Amino acid sequence: MSNPDLQILHDALNDLRDGDINVAAFCSAWRAQTDLIKRLPPRYEEVAEDLLGRLEAGSLFTEESCSFSQEDLLDNLALWLHKAEKTLV
């Protein structure tokens, strides 16, 4: 992967999965990539923000009391990254 902005997002995703950062730091890292978001179609920002918002909301509850799983949201963000990479090629 040659795009440093995408690499930042990949690293943040891995760090969250590994427990090296919390959800708030992860979401901040993703939202800070405004230049990347501007280079993508508008729908990408909408989808990313929806997923990040649900991830933040879910972090306030235990896994059992939340209507969606953090792992599913992270998988969807990984898919978002994959599609963003293909869009920017």
PDB file of N, CA and C in Angstrom:
ATOM      1  N   MET A   1       0.861  -1.173   0.000  1.00  0.00           N
ATOM      2  CA  MET A   1       0.000   0.000   0.000  1.00  0.00           C
ATOM      3  C   MET A   1       0.898   1.222   0.000  1.00  0.00           C
ATOM      4  N   SER A   2       0.690   2.116  -0.949  1.00  0.00           N
ATOM      5  CA  SER A   2       1.569   3.266  -1.079  1.00  0.00           C
ATOM      6  C   SER A   2       0.965   4.547  -0.515  1.00  0.00           C
ATOM      7  N   ASN A   3      -0.299   4.543  -0.179  1.00  0.00           N
ATOM      8  CA  ASN A   3      -0.941   5.754   0.312  1.00  0.00           C
ATOM      9  C   ASN A   3      -0.743   5.869   1.828  1.00  0.00           C
ATOM     10  N   PRO A   4       0.011   6.894   2.279  1.00  0.00           N
ATOM     11  CA  PRO A   4       0.275   7.004   3.723  1.00  0.00           C
ATOM     12  C   PRO A   4      -0.984   7.262   4.555  1.00  0.00           C
ATOM     13  N   ASP A   5      -1.972   7.957   3.983  1.00  0.00           N
ATOM     14  CA  ASP A   5      -3.216   8.200   4.719  1.00  0.00           C
ATOM     15  C   ASP A   5      -3.950   6.886   4.981  1.00  0.00           C
ATOM     16  N   LEU A   6      -3.989   6.028   3.979  1.00  0.00           N
ATOM     17  CA  LEU A   6      -4.633   4.720   4.162  1.00  0.00           C
ATOM     18  C   LEU A   6      -3.852   3.875   5.159  1.00  0.00           C
ATOM     19  N   GLN A   7      -2.532   4.000   5.134  1.00  0.00           N
ATOM     20  CA  GLN A   7      -1.712   3.233   6.077  1.00  0.00           C
ATOM     21  C   GLN A   7      -2.009   3.647   7.512  1.00  0.00           C
ATOM     22  N   ILE A   8      -2.227   4.932   7.741  1.00  0.00           N
ATOM     23  CA  ILE A   8      -2.582   5.418   9.074  1.00  0.00           C
ATOM     24  C   ILE A   8      -3.868   4.747   9.545  1.00  0.00           C
ATOM     25  N   LEU A   9      -4.849   4.640   8.637  1.00  0.00           N
ATOM     26  CA  LEU A   9      -6.121   4.010   8.999  1.00  0.00           C
ATOM     27  C   LEU A   9      -5.949   2.520   9.273  1.00  0.00           C
ATOM     28  N   HIS A  10      -5.145   1.854   8.445  1.00  0.00           N
ATOM     29  CA  HIS A  10      -4.866   0.429   8.675  1.00  0.00           C
ATOM     30  C   HIS A  10      -4.181   0.230  10.028  1.00  0.00           C
ATOM     31  N   ASP A  11      -3.198   1.074  10.313  1.00  0.00           N
ATOM     32  CA  ASP A  11      -2.471   0.953  11.577  1.00  0.00           C
ATOM     33  C   ASP A  11      -3.405   1.172  12.767  1.00  0.00           C
ATOM     34  N   ALA A  12      -4.280   2.176  12.663  1.00  0.00           N
ATOM     35  CA  ALA A  12      -5.226   2.447  13.751  1.00  0.00           C
ATOM     36  C   ALA A  12      -6.171   1.261  13.951  1.00  0.00           C
ATOM     37  N   LEU A  13      -6.624   0.682  12.859  1.00  0.00           N
ATOM     38  CA  LEU A  13      -7.512  -0.481  12.952  1.00  0.00           C
ATOM     39  C   LEU A  13      -6.799  -1.640  13.636  1.00  0.00           C
ATOM     40  N   ASN A  14      -5.574  -1.902  13.247  1.00  0.00           N
ATOM     41  CA  ASN A  14      -4.808  -2.973  13.884  1.00  0.00           C
ATOM     42  C   ASN A  14      -4.543  -2.666  15.354  1.00  0.00           C
ATOM     43  N   ASP A  15      -4.218  -1.407  15.658  1.00  0.00           N
ATOM     44  CA  ASP A  15      -3.950  -1.026  17.048  1.00  0.00           C
ATOM     45  C   ASP A  15      -5.188  -1.205  17.925  1.00  0.00           C
ATOM     46  N   LEU A  16      -6.364  -0.866  17.390  1.00  0.00           N
ATOM     47  CA  LEU A  16      -7.595  -1.046  18.159  1.00  0.00           C
ATOM     48  C   LEU A  16      -7.863  -2.533  18.386  1.00  0.00           C
ATOM     49  N   ARG A  17      -7.705  -3.316  17.347  1.00  0.00           N
ATOM     50  CA  ARG A  17      -7.938  -4.764  17.483  1.00  0.00           C
ATOM     51  C   ARG A  17      -6.964  -5.394  18.471  1.00  0.00           C
ATOM     52  N   ASP A  18      -5.730  -4.857  18.514  1.00  0.00           N
ATOM     53  CA  ASP A  18      -4.716  -5.392  19.423  1.00  0.00           C
ATOM     54  C   ASP A  18      -4.847  -4.838  20.838  1.00  0.00           C
ATOM     55  N   GLY A  19      -5.748  -3.861  21.027  1.00  0.00           N
ATOM     56  CA  GLY A  19      -5.924  -3.267  22.348  1.00  0.00           C
ATOM     57  C   GLY A  19      -4.905  -2.196  22.685  1.00  0.00           C
ATOM     58  N   ASP A  20      -4.165  -1.720  21.677  1.00  0.00           N
ATOM     59  CA  ASP A  20      -3.143  -0.706  21.911  1.00  0.00           C
ATOM     60  C   ASP A  20      -3.712   0.707  21.999  1.00  0.00           C
ATOM     61  N   ILE A  21      -4.894   0.912  21.427  1.00  0.00           N
ATOM     62  CA  ILE A  21      -5.589   2.197  21.540  1.00  0.00           C
ATOM     63  C   ILE A  21      -7.051   1.915  21.871  1.00  0.00           C
ATOM     64  N   ASN A  22      -7.745   2.949  22.346  1.00  0.00           N
ATOM     65  CA  ASN A  22      -9.167   2.791  22.651  1.00  0.00           C
ATOM     66  C   ASN A  22     -10.011   3.316  21.485  1.00  0.00           C
ATOM     67  N   VAL A  23     -11.305   3.154  21.596  1.00  0.00           N
ATOM     68  CA  VAL A  23     -12.220   3.550  20.517  1.00  0.00           C
ATOM     69  C   VAL A  23     -12.125   5.048  20.233  1.00  0.00           C
ATOM     70  N   ALA A  24     -12.019   5.864  21.274  1.00  0.00           N
ATOM     71  CA  ALA A  24     -11.947   7.315  21.075  1.00  0.00           C
ATOM     72  C   ALA A  24     -10.709   7.695  20.263  1.00  0.00           C
ATOM     73  N   ALA A  25      -9.567   7.113  20.592  1.00  0.00           N
ATOM     74  CA  ALA A  25      -8.339   7.402  19.846  1.00  0.00           C
ATOM     75  C   ALA A  25      -8.445   6.899  18.408  1.00  0.00           C
ATOM     76  N   PHE A  26      -9.051   5.736  18.239  1.00  0.00           N
ATOM     77  CA  PHE A  26      -9.247   5.180  16.903  1.00  0.00           C
ATOM     78  C   PHE A  26     -10.104   6.109  16.050  1.00  0.00           C
ATOM     79  N   CYS A  27     -11.231   6.530  16.591  1.00  0.00           N
ATOM     80  CA  CYS A  27     -12.138   7.400  15.836  1.00  0.00           C
ATOM     81  C   CYS A  27     -11.472   8.739  15.519  1.00  0.00           C
ATOM     82  N   SER A  28     -10.702   9.269  16.441  1.00  0.00           N
ATOM     83  CA  SER A  28      -9.987  10.520  16.196  1.00  0.00           C
ATOM     84  C   SER A  28      -8.988  10.362  15.058  1.00  0.00           C
ATOM     85  N   ALA A  29      -8.279   9.246  15.051  1.00  0.00           N
ATOM     86  CA  ALA A  29      -7.306   8.990  13.993  1.00  0.00           C
ATOM     87  C   ALA A  29      -7.992   8.918  12.627  1.00  0.00           C
ATOM     88  N   TRP A  30      -9.131   8.246  12.584  1.00  0.00           N
ATOM     89  CA  TRP A  30      -9.858   8.135  11.324  1.00  0.00           C
ATOM     90  C   TRP A  30     -10.400   9.487  10.882  1.00  0.00           C
ATOM     91  N   ARG A  31     -10.981  10.210  11.796  1.00  0.00           N
ATOM     92  CA  ARG A  31     -11.580  11.505  11.430  1.00  0.00           C
ATOM     93  C   ARG A  31     -10.534  12.542  11.051  1.00  0.00           C
ATOM     94  N   ALA A  32      -9.305  12.359  11.488  1.00  0.00           N
ATOM     95  CA  ALA A  32      -8.237  13.303  11.178  1.00  0.00           C
ATOM     96  C   ALA A  32      -7.773  13.205   9.722  1.00  0.00           C
ATOM     97  N   GLN A  33      -8.159  12.165   9.033  1.00  0.00           N
ATOM     98  CA  GLN A  33      -7.716  11.956   7.644  1.00  0.00           C
ATOM     99  C   GLN A  33      -8.634  12.679   6.656  1.00  0.00           C
ATOM    100  N   THR A  34      -8.806  13.974   6.858  1.00  0.00           N
ATOM    101  CA  THR A  34      -9.733  14.752   6.033  1.00  0.00           C
ATOM    102  C   THR A  34      -9.281  14.846   4.580  1.00  0.00           C
ATOM    103  N   ASP A  35      -7.979  14.904   4.332  1.00  0.00           N
ATOM    104  CA  ASP A  35      -7.502  14.964   2.944  1.00  0.00           C
ATOM    105  C   ASP A  35      -7.866  13.698   2.180  1.00  0.00           C
ATOM    106  N   LEU A  36      -7.729  12.573   2.841  1.00  0.00           N
ATOM    107  CA  LEU A  36      -8.101  11.300   2.222  1.00  0.00           C
ATOM    108  C   LEU A  36      -9.598  11.280   1.914  1.00  0.00           C
ATOM    109  N   ILE A  37     -10.392  11.654   2.884  1.00  0.00           N
ATOM    110  CA  ILE A  37     -11.849  11.642   2.710  1.00  0.00           C
ATOM    111  C   ILE A  37     -12.267  12.534   1.545  1.00  0.00           C
ATOM    112  N   LYS A  38     -11.610  13.666   1.391  1.00  0.00           N
ATOM    113  CA  LYS A  38     -11.956  14.593   0.303  1.00  0.00           C
ATOM    114  C   LYS A  38     -11.631  14.015  -1.070  1.00  0.00           C
ATOM    115  N   ARG A  39     -10.699  13.071  -1.128  1.00  0.00           N
ATOM    116  CA  ARG A  39     -10.330  12.459  -2.416  1.00  0.00           C
ATOM    117  C   ARG A  39     -11.253  11.301  -2.790  1.00  0.00           C
ATOM    118  N   LEU A  40     -12.138  10.930  -1.891  1.00  0.00           N
ATOM    119  CA  LEU A  40     -13.066   9.829  -2.143  1.00  0.00           C
ATOM    120  C   LEU A  40     -14.452  10.376  -2.461  1.00  0.00           C
ATOM    121  N   PRO A  41     -15.292   9.576  -3.125  1.00  0.00           N
ATOM    122  CA  PRO A  41     -16.678  10.003  -3.356  1.00  0.00           C
ATOM    123  C   PRO A  41     -17.377  10.309  -2.029  1.00  0.00           C
ATOM    124  N   PRO A  42     -18.335  11.238  -2.034  1.00  0.00           N
ATOM    125  CA  PRO A  42     -19.008  11.664  -0.795  1.00  0.00           C
ATOM    126  C   PRO A  42     -19.596  10.519   0.034  1.00  0.00           C
ATOM    127  N   ARG A  43     -20.047   9.488  -0.605  1.00  0.00           N
ATOM    128  CA  ARG A  43     -20.660   8.361   0.107  1.00  0.00           C
ATOM    129  C   ARG A  43     -19.682   7.725   1.099  1.00  0.00           C
ATOM    130  N   TYR A  44     -18.403   7.754   0.792  1.00  0.00           N
ATOM    131  CA  TYR A  44     -17.411   7.153   1.691  1.00  0.00           C
ATOM    132  C   TYR A  44     -17.406   7.839   3.055  1.00  0.00           C
ATOM    133  N   GLU A  45     -17.510   9.156   3.046  1.00  0.00           N
ATOM    134  CA  GLU A  45     -17.535   9.885   4.311  1.00  0.00           C
ATOM    135  C   GLU A  45     -18.779   9.522   5.115  1.00  0.00           C
ATOM    136  N   GLU A  46     -19.912   9.426   4.437  1.00  0.00           N
ATOM    137  CA  GLU A  46     -21.163   9.070   5.121  1.00  0.00           C
ATOM    138  C   GLU A  46     -21.067   7.693   5.766  1.00  0.00           C
ATOM    139  N   VAL A  47     -20.558   6.738   5.027  1.00  0.00           N
ATOM    140  CA  VAL A  47     -20.473   5.364   5.539  1.00  0.00           C
ATOM    141  C   VAL A  47     -19.475   5.293   6.690  1.00  0.00           C
ATOM    142  N   ALA A  48     -18.315   5.916   6.521  1.00  0.00           N
ATOM    143  CA  ALA A  48     -17.308   5.885   7.586  1.00  0.00           C
ATOM    144  C   ALA A  48     -17.855   6.528   8.856  1.00  0.00           C
ATOM    145  N   GLU A  49     -18.502   7.662   8.718  1.00  0.00           N
ATOM    146  CA  GLU A  49     -19.026   8.355   9.898  1.00  0.00           C
ATOM    147  C   GLU A  49     -20.111   7.538  10.581  1.00  0.00           C
ATOM    148  N   ASP A  50     -20.947   6.862   9.797  1.00  0.00           N
ATOM    149  CA  ASP A  50     -21.972   5.991  10.375  1.00  0.00           C
ATOM    150  C   ASP A  50     -21.324   4.874  11.187  1.00  0.00           C
ATOM    151  N   LEU A  51     -20.317   4.231  10.618  1.00  0.00           N
ATOM    152  CA  LEU A  51     -19.647   3.135  11.314  1.00  0.00           C
ATOM    153  C   LEU A  51     -18.914   3.633  12.559  1.00  0.00           C
ATOM    154  N   LEU A  52     -18.237   4.774  12.445  1.00  0.00           N
ATOM    155  CA  LEU A  52     -17.517   5.327  13.592  1.00  0.00           C
ATOM    156  C   LEU A  52     -18.493   5.715  14.707  1.00  0.00           C
ATOM    157  N   GLY A  53     -19.612   6.308  14.337  1.00  0.00           N
ATOM    158  CA  GLY A  53     -20.614   6.688  15.329  1.00  0.00           C
ATOM    159  C   GLY A  53     -21.166   5.482  16.067  1.00  0.00           C
ATOM    160  N   ARG A  54     -21.436   4.409  15.332  1.00  0.00           N
ATOM    161  CA  ARG A  54     -21.939   3.188  15.979  1.00  0.00           C
ATOM    162  C   ARG A  54     -20.870   2.557  16.857  1.00  0.00           C
ATOM    163  N   LEU A  55     -19.621   2.630  16.407  1.00  0.00           N
ATOM    164  CA  LEU A  55     -18.521   2.100  17.203  1.00  0.00           C
ATOM    165  C   LEU A  55     -18.394   2.875  18.518  1.00  0.00           C
ATOM    166  N   GLU A  56     -18.489   4.196  18.448  1.00  0.00           N
ATOM    167  CA  GLU A  56     -18.429   5.019  19.659  1.00  0.00           C
ATOM    168  C   GLU A  56     -19.605   4.721  20.585  1.00  0.00           C
ATOM    169  N   ALA A  57     -20.796   4.625  20.019  1.00  0.00           N
ATOM    170  CA  ALA A  57     -21.977   4.333  20.839  1.00  0.00           C
ATOM    171  C   ALA A  57     -21.848   2.960  21.485  1.00  0.00           C
ATOM    172  N   GLY A  58     -21.387   2.007  20.730  1.00  0.00           N
ATOM    173  CA  GLY A  58     -21.238   0.653  21.249  1.00  0.00           C
ATOM    174  C   GLY A  58     -20.191   0.551  22.336  1.00  0.00           C
ATOM    175  N   SER A  59     -19.196   1.431  22.301  1.00  0.00           N
ATOM    176  CA  SER A  59     -18.137   1.370  23.311  1.00  0.00           C
ATOM    177  C   SER A  59     -18.640   1.794  24.685  1.00  0.00           C
ATOM    178  N   LEU A  60     -19.818   2.414  24.728  1.00  0.00           N
ATOM    179  CA  LEU A  60     -20.389   2.845  26.002  1.00  0.00           C
ATOM    180  C   LEU A  60     -21.100   1.711  26.734  1.00  0.00           C
ATOM    181  N   PHE A  61     -21.297   0.592  26.044  1.00  0.00           N
ATOM    182  CA  PHE A  61     -22.036  -0.532  26.614  1.00  0.00           C
ATOM    183  C   PHE A  61     -21.189  -1.789  26.567  1.00  0.00           C
ATOM    184  N   THR A  62     -21.601  -2.777  27.321  1.00  0.00           N
ATOM    185  CA  THR A  62     -20.947  -4.070  27.209  1.00  0.00           C
ATOM    186  C   THR A  62     -21.387  -4.724  25.909  1.00  0.00           C
ATOM    187  N   GLU A  63     -20.614  -5.656  25.445  1.00  0.00           N
ATOM    188  CA  GLU A  63     -20.916  -6.342  24.181  1.00  0.00           C
ATOM    189  C   GLU A  63     -22.317  -6.956  24.199  1.00  0.00           C
ATOM    190  N   GLU A  64     -22.724  -7.489  25.338  1.00  0.00           N
ATOM    191  CA  GLU A  64     -24.013  -8.172  25.410  1.00  0.00           C
ATOM    192  C   GLU A  64     -25.196  -7.205  25.302  1.00  0.00           C
ATOM    193  N   SER A  65     -25.026  -5.986  25.784  1.00  0.00           N
ATOM    194  CA  SER A  65     -26.157  -5.062  25.794  1.00  0.00           C
ATOM    195  C   SER A  65     -26.221  -4.203  24.531  1.00  0.00           C
ATOM    196  N   CYS A  66     -25.272  -4.358  23.657  1.00  0.00           N
ATOM    197  CA  CYS A  66     -25.224  -3.541  22.444  1.00  0.00           C
ATOM    198  C   CYS A  66     -25.873  -4.302  21.292  1.00  0.00           C
ATOM    199  N   SER A  67     -26.549  -3.574  20.427  1.00  0.00           N
ATOM    200  CA  SER A  67     -27.275  -4.237  19.341  1.00  0.00           C
ATOM    201  C   SER A  67     -26.369  -4.599  18.162  1.00  0.00           C
ATOM    202  N   PHE A  68     -25.118  -4.177  18.185  1.00  0.00           N
ATOM    203  CA  PHE A  68     -24.182  -4.554  17.128  1.00  0.00           C
ATOM    204  C   PHE A  68     -22.827  -4.842  17.748  1.00  0.00           C
ATOM    205  N   SER A  69     -22.060  -5.706  17.114  1.00  0.00           N
ATOM    206  CA  SER A  69     -20.785  -6.101  17.702  1.00  0.00           C
ATOM    207  C   SER A  69     -19.651  -5.220  17.200  1.00  0.00           C
ATOM    208  N   GLN A  70     -18.722  -4.941  18.092  1.00  0.00           N
ATOM    209  CA  GLN A  70     -17.559  -4.137  17.720  1.00  0.00           C
ATOM    210  C   GLN A  70     -16.771  -4.838  16.623  1.00  0.00           C
ATOM    211  N   GLU A  71     -16.645  -6.150  16.718  1.00  0.00           N
ATOM    212  CA  GLU A  71     -15.876  -6.881  15.705  1.00  0.00           C
ATOM    213  C   GLU A  71     -16.522  -6.746  14.325  1.00  0.00           C
ATOM    214  N   ASP A  72     -17.844  -6.792  14.264  1.00  0.00           N
ATOM    215  CA  ASP A  72     -18.533  -6.605  12.981  1.00  0.00           C
ATOM    216  C   ASP A  72     -18.284  -5.201  12.427  1.00  0.00           C
ATOM    217  N   LEU A  73     -18.312  -4.207  13.293  1.00  0.00           N
ATOM    218  CA  LEU A  73     -18.052  -2.837  12.848  1.00  0.00           C
ATOM    219  C   LEU A  73     -16.621  -2.693  12.345  1.00  0.00           C
ATOM    220  N   LEU A  74     -15.674  -3.309  13.030  1.00  0.00           N
ATOM    221  CA  LEU A  74     -14.281  -3.245  12.586  1.00  0.00           C
ATOM    222  C   LEU A  74     -14.097  -3.974  11.260  1.00  0.00           C
ATOM    223  N   ASP A  75     -14.798  -5.079  11.088  1.00  0.00           N
ATOM    224  CA  ASP A  75     -14.749  -5.783   9.805  1.00  0.00           C
ATOM    225  C   ASP A  75     -15.299  -4.900   8.683  1.00  0.00           C
ATOM    226  N   ASN A  76     -16.375  -4.166   8.978  1.00  0.00           N
ATOM    227  CA  ASN A  76     -16.946  -3.265   7.979  1.00  0.00           C
ATOM    228  C   ASN A  76     -16.003  -2.103   7.673  1.00  0.00           C
ATOM    229  N   LEU A  77     -15.293  -1.611   8.675  1.00  0.00           N
ATOM    230  CA  LEU A  77     -14.313  -0.546   8.432  1.00  0.00           C
ATOM    231  C   LEU A  77     -13.132  -1.077   7.616  1.00  0.00           C
ATOM    232  N   ALA A  78     -12.743  -2.323   7.841  1.00  0.00           N
ATOM    233  CA  ALA A  78     -11.694  -2.936   7.033  1.00  0.00           C
ATOM    234  C   ALA A  78     -12.148  -3.054   5.575  1.00  0.00           C
ATOM    235  N   LEU A  79     -13.395  -3.415   5.374  1.00  0.00           N
ATOM    236  CA  LEU A  79     -13.954  -3.479   4.022  1.00  0.00           C
ATOM    237  C   LEU A  79     -13.978  -2.084   3.392  1.00  0.00           C
ATOM    238  N   TRP A  80     -14.351  -1.078   4.166  1.00  0.00           N
ATOM    239  CA  TRP A  80     -14.343   0.314   3.704  1.00  0.00           C
ATOM    240  C   TRP A  80     -12.944   0.675   3.227  1.00  0.00           C
ATOM    241  N   LEU A  81     -11.928   0.316   4.008  1.00  0.00           N
ATOM    242  CA  LEU A  81     -10.542   0.607   3.625  1.00  0.00           C
ATOM    243  C   LEU A  81     -10.172  -0.076   2.309  1.00  0.00           C
ATOM    244  N   HIS A  82     -10.557  -1.325   2.187  1.00  0.00           N
ATOM    245  CA  HIS A  82     -10.262  -2.063   0.963  1.00  0.00           C
ATOM    246  C   HIS A  82     -10.880  -1.379  -0.257  1.00  0.00           C
ATOM    247  N   LYS A  83     -12.123  -0.974  -0.134  1.00  0.00           N
ATOM    248  CA  LYS A  83     -12.802  -0.305  -1.246  1.00  0.00           C
ATOM    249  C   LYS A  83     -12.192   1.070  -1.515  1.00  0.00           C
ATOM    250  N   ALA A  84     -11.798   1.778  -0.468  1.00  0.00           N
ATOM    251  CA  ALA A  84     -11.151   3.084  -0.637  1.00  0.00           C
ATOM    252  C   ALA A  84      -9.843   2.940  -1.399  1.00  0.00           C
ATOM    253  N   GLU A  85      -9.073   1.902  -1.077  1.00  0.00           N
ATOM    254  CA  GLU A  85      -7.821   1.650  -1.782  1.00  0.00           C
ATOM    255  C   GLU A  85      -8.071   1.457  -3.274  1.00  0.00           C
ATOM    256  N   LYS A  86      -9.068   0.660  -3.597  1.00  0.00           N
ATOM    257  CA  LYS A  86      -9.381   0.397  -5.008  1.00  0.00           C
ATOM    258  C   LYS A  86      -9.884   1.665  -5.706  1.00  0.00           C
ATOM    259  N   THR A  87     -10.610   2.501  -4.992  1.00  0.00           N
ATOM    260  CA  THR A  87     -11.139   3.734  -5.571  1.00  0.00           C
ATOM    261  C   THR A  87     -10.015   4.722  -5.867  1.00  0.00           C
ATOM    262  N   LEU A  88      -8.999   4.747  -5.031  1.00  0.00           N
ATOM    263  CA  LEU A  88      -7.916   5.722  -5.176  1.00  0.00           C
ATOM    264  C   LEU A  88      -6.819   5.279  -6.134  1.00  0.00           C
ATOM    265  N   VAL A  89      -6.901   4.056  -6.639  1.00  0.00           N
ATOM    266  CA  VAL A  89      -5.850   3.577  -7.563  1.00  0.00           C
ATOM    267  C   VAL A  89      -5.944   4.286  -8.882  1.00  0.00           C
TER     268      VAL A  89
END
